[in-house]
Amino acid sequence: MANHKKDYKSEEFFQNLNIEFLIHELKDPIAVIETGARTLLEKQEKFGELTSRQERTVKRVIRNTRKARDMLYSLLEVGRSEAGSFACGHFKPVETTYTVLCNCLELKTPSIADELQRLPDMIAATAYLDSCGIHFSAPPEMSTSVINQDIAKYRQIIANLVKNALHFKRNRMQINLETKNEYLRVAVMDDGPGVDPEDCEHIFKRYSQSKDCALTSRQGHGLGLAGARTMARYLGGDIELTCDPDKGTIFRLTLPKNLANVT
């Protein structure tokens, strides 16, 4: 596995964005939204009774304001990576990846997320996801396997890859997990418009999407994927992209299973 830390340490990834100030400014309005929604839900005798549909909507608002708050703090993880700050711990990658998928579905397709909450187990959940064109797979022996990595950064990386796939898929996306030797491998695939091969590396550059790319629907600010690759490389791994304008994209994340062994 190539060591990319030196190259990335020379960059000022957030040179145009003071993340600490952003968090400070945004956390208060997010807290106000959450408090207001909770008040409507918990004090219906004072503000009026909610219908079942209204109650579901308010609960969704509360869940997503909490996720927005968590996302703000997650923005710090790229900066912490560049500063060499890690919080190494043991966790189950299959379980964690599935949780991240559910959180992303809550943001992108809340109806699917709601149905998943009603299902009794993982078997029923994956079968339902299959029917929605979302395929999640891992070898059975991986269900209990544990890795020693930075879980906050891992979640952030996976969330960026999953949200990208959900956004661009036409009919199908897939998440595959496997382990090989001392590495965890996660492939996130979609059948969207794909990326012009000459732009495969370009989309990992922040604030620098190709204006001449024929597949302009893949354009954005370039922060999510760039940040994901930065964190992956600081965790001793990498993200590679295979693209086909006719068949979509495959992002392949590779991470060492034990961060403590990364030099």
Protein backbone atom coordinates (compact mmCIF):
# COMPACT_ATOMS: atom_id res chain seq x y z
CA MET A 1 0.00 0.00 0.00
CA ALA A 2 1.50 3.31 -1.09
CA ASN A 3 2.19 5.91 1.57
CA HIS A 4 0.43 9.15 0.58
CA LYS A 5 0.72 10.95 3.90
CA LYS A 6 3.64 13.14 2.93
CA ASP A 7 1.92 14.54 -0.15
CA TYR A 8 -1.26 15.33 1.70
CA LYS A 9 0.42 16.94 4.69
CA SER A 10 1.75 19.64 2.38
CA GLU A 11 -1.79 20.68 1.45
CA GLU A 12 -3.99 23.11 3.36
CA PHE A 13 -7.18 21.15 2.75
CA PHE A 14 -9.48 23.67 4.38
CA GLN A 15 -7.50 26.79 3.46
CA ASN A 16 -10.68 28.60 2.36
CA LEU A 17 -12.90 27.28 5.13
CA ASN A 18 -12.51 27.82 8.84
CA ILE A 19 -14.21 24.66 10.08
CA GLU A 20 -14.10 25.61 13.73
CA PHE A 21 -15.94 28.86 12.98
CA LEU A 22 -18.46 27.03 10.78
CA ILE A 23 -19.29 24.60 13.56
CA HIS A 24 -19.57 27.38 16.10
CA GLU A 25 -21.98 29.32 13.86
CA LEU A 26 -24.15 26.39 12.80
CA LYS A 27 -24.50 24.40 15.99
CA ASP A 28 -26.78 26.98 17.63
CA PRO A 29 -29.48 27.16 14.89
CA ILE A 30 -29.42 23.37 14.61
CA ALA A 31 -29.97 23.12 18.36
CA VAL A 32 -32.90 25.55 18.09
CA ILE A 33 -34.52 23.44 15.38
CA GLU A 34 -34.12 20.27 17.43
CA THR A 35 -35.49 21.89 20.58
CA GLY A 36 -38.49 23.30 18.74
CA ALA A 37 -39.32 19.96 17.15
CA ARG A 38 -38.98 18.14 20.47
CA THR A 39 -41.26 20.69 22.11
CA LEU A 40 -43.97 20.07 19.52
CA LEU A 41 -43.65 16.34 20.08
CA GLU A 42 -43.38 16.27 23.87
CA LYS A 43 -45.82 19.07 24.80
CA GLN A 44 -48.80 18.34 22.63
CA GLU A 45 -51.17 19.23 25.47
CA LYS A 46 -49.86 22.80 25.20
CA PHE A 47 -49.28 23.26 21.48
CA GLY A 48 -51.90 20.94 20.03
CA GLU A 49 -52.19 17.25 19.26
CA LEU A 50 -50.30 15.94 16.24
CA THR A 51 -51.68 13.51 13.70
CA SER A 52 -49.72 10.29 13.18
CA ARG A 53 -48.30 11.67 9.94
CA GLN A 54 -47.28 14.92 11.61
CA GLU A 55 -45.67 13.00 14.45
CA ARG A 56 -43.62 10.92 12.01
CA THR A 57 -42.51 14.10 10.27
CA VAL A 58 -41.47 15.78 13.52
CA LYS A 59 -39.53 12.68 14.57
CA ARG A 60 -37.74 12.75 11.22
CA VAL A 61 -36.84 16.40 11.76
CA ILE A 62 -35.37 15.52 15.16
CA ARG A 63 -33.37 12.60 13.76
CA ASN A 64 -31.96 14.67 10.94
CA THR A 65 -31.05 17.67 13.07
CA ARG A 66 -29.06 15.31 15.27
CA LYS A 67 -27.39 13.87 12.18
CA ALA A 68 -26.64 17.38 10.92
CA ARG A 69 -24.98 18.15 14.25
CA ASP A 70 -22.95 14.94 14.00
CA MET A 71 -21.97 15.83 10.43
CA LEU A 72 -20.63 19.18 11.56
CA TYR A 73 -18.34 17.50 14.03
CA SER A 74 -17.40 14.91 11.42
CA LEU A 75 -16.09 17.73 9.22
CA LEU A 76 -13.28 18.07 11.71
CA GLU A 77 -12.05 14.56 10.96
CA VAL A 78 -10.20 15.56 7.79
CA GLY A 79 -8.35 18.29 9.64
CA ARG A 80 -7.61 15.92 12.49
CA SER A 81 -6.21 13.42 9.99
CA GLU A 82 -3.85 16.02 8.58
CA ALA A 83 -2.80 16.91 12.12
CA GLY A 84 -2.11 13.25 12.87
CA SER A 85 -4.96 12.93 15.37
CA PHE A 86 -6.60 9.49 15.49
CA ALA A 87 -8.97 7.70 17.83
CA CYS A 88 -8.18 4.05 17.31
CA GLY A 89 -10.73 1.51 18.53
CA HIS A 90 -12.30 -1.85 17.77
CA PHE A 91 -15.57 -2.09 15.84
CA LYS A 92 -17.43 -4.39 13.45
CA PRO A 93 -17.13 -3.05 9.89
CA VAL A 94 -20.21 -4.88 8.57
CA GLU A 95 -22.44 -3.54 11.33
CA THR A 96 -20.97 -0.03 11.10
CA THR A 97 -21.26 0.10 7.31
CA TYR A 98 -24.89 -1.01 7.44
CA THR A 99 -25.67 1.68 10.02
CA VAL A 100 -24.06 4.32 7.81
CA LEU A 101 -26.15 3.07 4.86
CA CYS A 102 -29.34 3.42 6.92
CA ASN A 103 -28.36 6.95 7.94
CA CYS A 104 -27.72 7.90 4.32
CA LEU A 105 -31.07 6.45 3.28
CA GLU A 106 -32.74 8.59 5.94
CA LEU A 107 -31.36 11.63 4.14
CA LYS A 108 -31.85 10.49 0.55
CA THR A 109 -34.89 8.18 0.60
CA PRO A 110 -36.64 8.40 3.99
CA SER A 111 -39.45 6.04 2.94
CA ILE A 112 -36.93 3.19 2.62
CA ALA A 113 -35.34 4.13 5.95
CA ASP A 114 -38.75 4.07 7.64
CA GLU A 115 -39.49 0.59 6.31
CA LEU A 116 -36.10 -0.72 7.46
CA GLN A 117 -36.90 0.33 11.02
CA ARG A 118 -39.98 -1.90 10.97
CA LEU A 119 -38.17 -5.03 9.80
CA PRO A 120 -37.23 -7.64 12.43
CA ASP A 121 -33.66 -8.54 11.45
CA MET A 122 -30.77 -8.11 9.05
CA ILE A 123 -31.98 -10.89 6.75
CA ALA A 124 -35.33 -9.21 6.22
CA ALA A 125 -33.63 -5.83 5.85
CA THR A 126 -31.20 -6.94 3.15
CA ALA A 127 -34.01 -8.70 1.27
CA TYR A 128 -36.04 -5.49 1.32
CA LEU A 129 -33.04 -3.44 0.21
CA ASP A 130 -32.52 -5.87 -2.67
CA SER A 131 -36.08 -5.20 -3.82
CA CYS A 132 -35.23 -1.47 -3.83
CA GLY A 133 -32.14 -1.99 -5.98
CA ILE A 134 -29.76 -1.52 -3.04
CA HIS A 135 -27.56 -4.54 -2.53
CA PHE A 136 -25.50 -5.00 0.64
CA SER A 137 -23.27 -8.04 0.94
CA ALA A 138 -20.45 -9.47 3.02
CA PRO A 139 -19.21 -13.03 3.61
CA PRO A 140 -21.04 -14.66 6.55
CA GLU A 141 -17.83 -14.98 8.54
CA MET A 142 -17.41 -11.21 8.47
CA SER A 143 -20.58 -10.57 10.48
CA THR A 144 -18.68 -10.85 13.76
CA SER A 145 -15.21 -9.79 12.59
CA VAL A 146 -13.64 -6.75 14.21
CA ILE A 147 -11.07 -4.25 12.98
CA ASN A 148 -8.96 -1.75 14.90
CA GLN A 149 -9.41 1.59 13.14
CA ASP A 150 -10.68 5.14 13.62
CA ILE A 151 -14.45 4.60 13.56
CA ALA A 152 -15.37 8.28 13.16
CA LYS A 153 -13.22 8.64 10.07
CA TYR A 154 -14.39 5.28 8.73
CA ARG A 155 -18.03 6.37 9.01
CA GLN A 156 -17.25 9.64 7.27
CA ILE A 157 -15.50 7.88 4.38
CA ILE A 158 -18.26 5.32 3.88
CA ALA A 159 -20.98 7.97 4.14
CA ASN A 160 -19.44 9.99 1.33
CA LEU A 161 -19.16 6.97 -0.94
CA VAL A 162 -22.70 5.75 -0.16
CA LYS A 163 -24.34 9.17 -0.60
CA ASN A 164 -22.56 9.57 -3.91
CA ALA A 165 -23.86 6.19 -5.12
CA LEU A 166 -27.41 6.84 -3.91
CA HIS A 167 -27.44 10.19 -5.66
CA PHE A 168 -26.26 8.94 -9.03
CA LYS A 169 -27.70 5.44 -9.29
CA ARG A 170 -30.32 4.84 -11.95
CA ASN A 171 -31.73 1.52 -10.77
CA ARG A 172 -29.06 -0.17 -8.72
CA MET A 173 -26.25 0.35 -6.24
CA GLN A 174 -24.19 -2.20 -4.37
CA ILE A 175 -21.95 -2.31 -1.31
CA ASN A 176 -19.59 -5.28 -0.96
CA LEU A 177 -17.31 -5.92 2.00
CA GLU A 178 -14.50 -8.43 2.19
CA THR A 179 -11.17 -8.95 3.90
CA LYS A 180 -7.97 -9.94 2.18
CA ASN A 181 -4.80 -10.59 4.12
CA GLU A 182 -4.54 -7.72 6.61
CA TYR A 183 -6.85 -5.37 4.75
CA LEU A 184 -10.54 -4.54 4.71
CA ARG A 185 -11.97 -3.85 1.26
CA VAL A 186 -15.25 -2.04 0.64
CA ALA A 187 -16.57 -1.57 -2.89
CA VAL A 188 -19.42 0.89 -3.51
CA MET A 189 -20.95 0.66 -6.98
CA ASP A 190 -23.69 2.45 -8.86
CA ASP A 191 -25.17 2.25 -12.36
CA GLY A 192 -25.33 6.00 -12.85
CA PRO A 193 -23.93 8.16 -15.66
CA GLY A 194 -20.37 7.25 -14.80
CA VAL A 195 -17.31 9.45 -15.08
CA ASP A 196 -15.20 10.18 -18.10
CA PRO A 197 -11.99 8.17 -17.60
CA GLU A 198 -9.86 11.31 -17.89
CA ASP A 199 -11.75 12.81 -14.95
CA CYS A 200 -11.45 9.83 -12.59
CA GLU A 201 -8.63 11.43 -10.63
CA HIS A 202 -9.90 14.96 -11.11
CA ILE A 203 -13.07 14.37 -9.07
CA PHE A 204 -10.94 13.76 -5.98
CA LYS A 205 -9.65 17.35 -6.10
CA ARG A 206 -11.48 19.81 -3.88
CA TYR A 207 -13.19 22.79 -5.51
CA SER A 208 -11.92 21.59 -8.87
CA GLN A 209 -14.52 19.78 -10.96
CA SER A 210 -13.86 19.60 -14.69
CA LYS A 211 -15.89 22.16 -16.60
CA ASP A 212 -15.31 20.28 -19.83
CA CYS A 213 -16.41 16.89 -18.53
CA ALA A 214 -19.15 15.48 -20.75
CA LEU A 215 -20.77 13.87 -17.71
CA THR A 216 -21.52 17.06 -15.85
CA SER A 217 -24.06 15.40 -13.55
CA ARG A 218 -21.11 14.11 -11.50
CA GLN A 219 -19.94 17.62 -10.76
CA GLY A 220 -20.11 19.13 -7.30
CA HIS A 221 -17.91 21.02 -4.88
CA GLY A 222 -15.43 18.15 -4.75
CA LEU A 223 -15.13 18.20 -0.96
CA GLY A 224 -16.75 14.88 -0.04
CA LEU A 225 -14.73 12.53 -2.20
CA ALA A 226 -11.53 14.53 -1.76
CA GLY A 227 -11.95 14.42 2.01
CA ALA A 228 -12.76 10.71 1.94
CA ARG A 229 -9.59 9.88 0.05
CA THR A 230 -7.50 12.13 2.32
CA MET A 231 -8.78 10.33 5.42
CA ALA A 232 -8.36 6.90 3.84
CA ARG A 233 -4.74 7.63 3.02
CA TYR A 234 -4.00 8.90 6.51
CA LEU A 235 -5.51 5.69 7.85
CA GLY A 236 -3.00 3.71 5.82
CA GLY A 237 -5.36 2.92 2.94
CA ASP A 238 -6.66 4.45 -0.26
CA ILE A 239 -9.71 4.90 -2.48
CA GLU A 240 -9.53 3.91 -6.13
CA LEU A 241 -12.12 4.62 -8.81
CA THR A 242 -13.10 2.49 -11.77
CA CYS A 243 -15.40 4.31 -14.15
CA ASP A 244 -17.33 3.56 -17.32
CA PRO A 245 -19.52 6.22 -18.95
CA ASP A 246 -22.03 3.49 -19.86
CA LYS A 247 -22.00 1.37 -16.70
CA GLY A 248 -21.46 3.70 -13.76
CA THR A 249 -18.70 3.80 -11.19
CA ILE A 250 -17.02 1.63 -8.58
CA PHE A 251 -15.24 3.21 -5.63
CA ARG A 252 -12.92 0.76 -3.86
CA LEU A 253 -11.83 1.57 -0.31
CA THR A 254 -8.93 -0.39 1.13
CA LEU A 255 -7.92 0.00 4.79
CA PRO A 256 -5.57 -1.95 7.05
CA LYS A 257 -7.52 -3.87 9.65
CA ASN A 258 -5.17 -2.66 12.38
CA LEU A 259 -4.35 1.05 12.38
CA ALA A 260 -1.75 0.45 15.08
CA ASN A 261 0.42 -1.30 12.45
CA VAL A 262 0.44 1.72 10.13
CA THR A 263 3.72 3.61 10.18
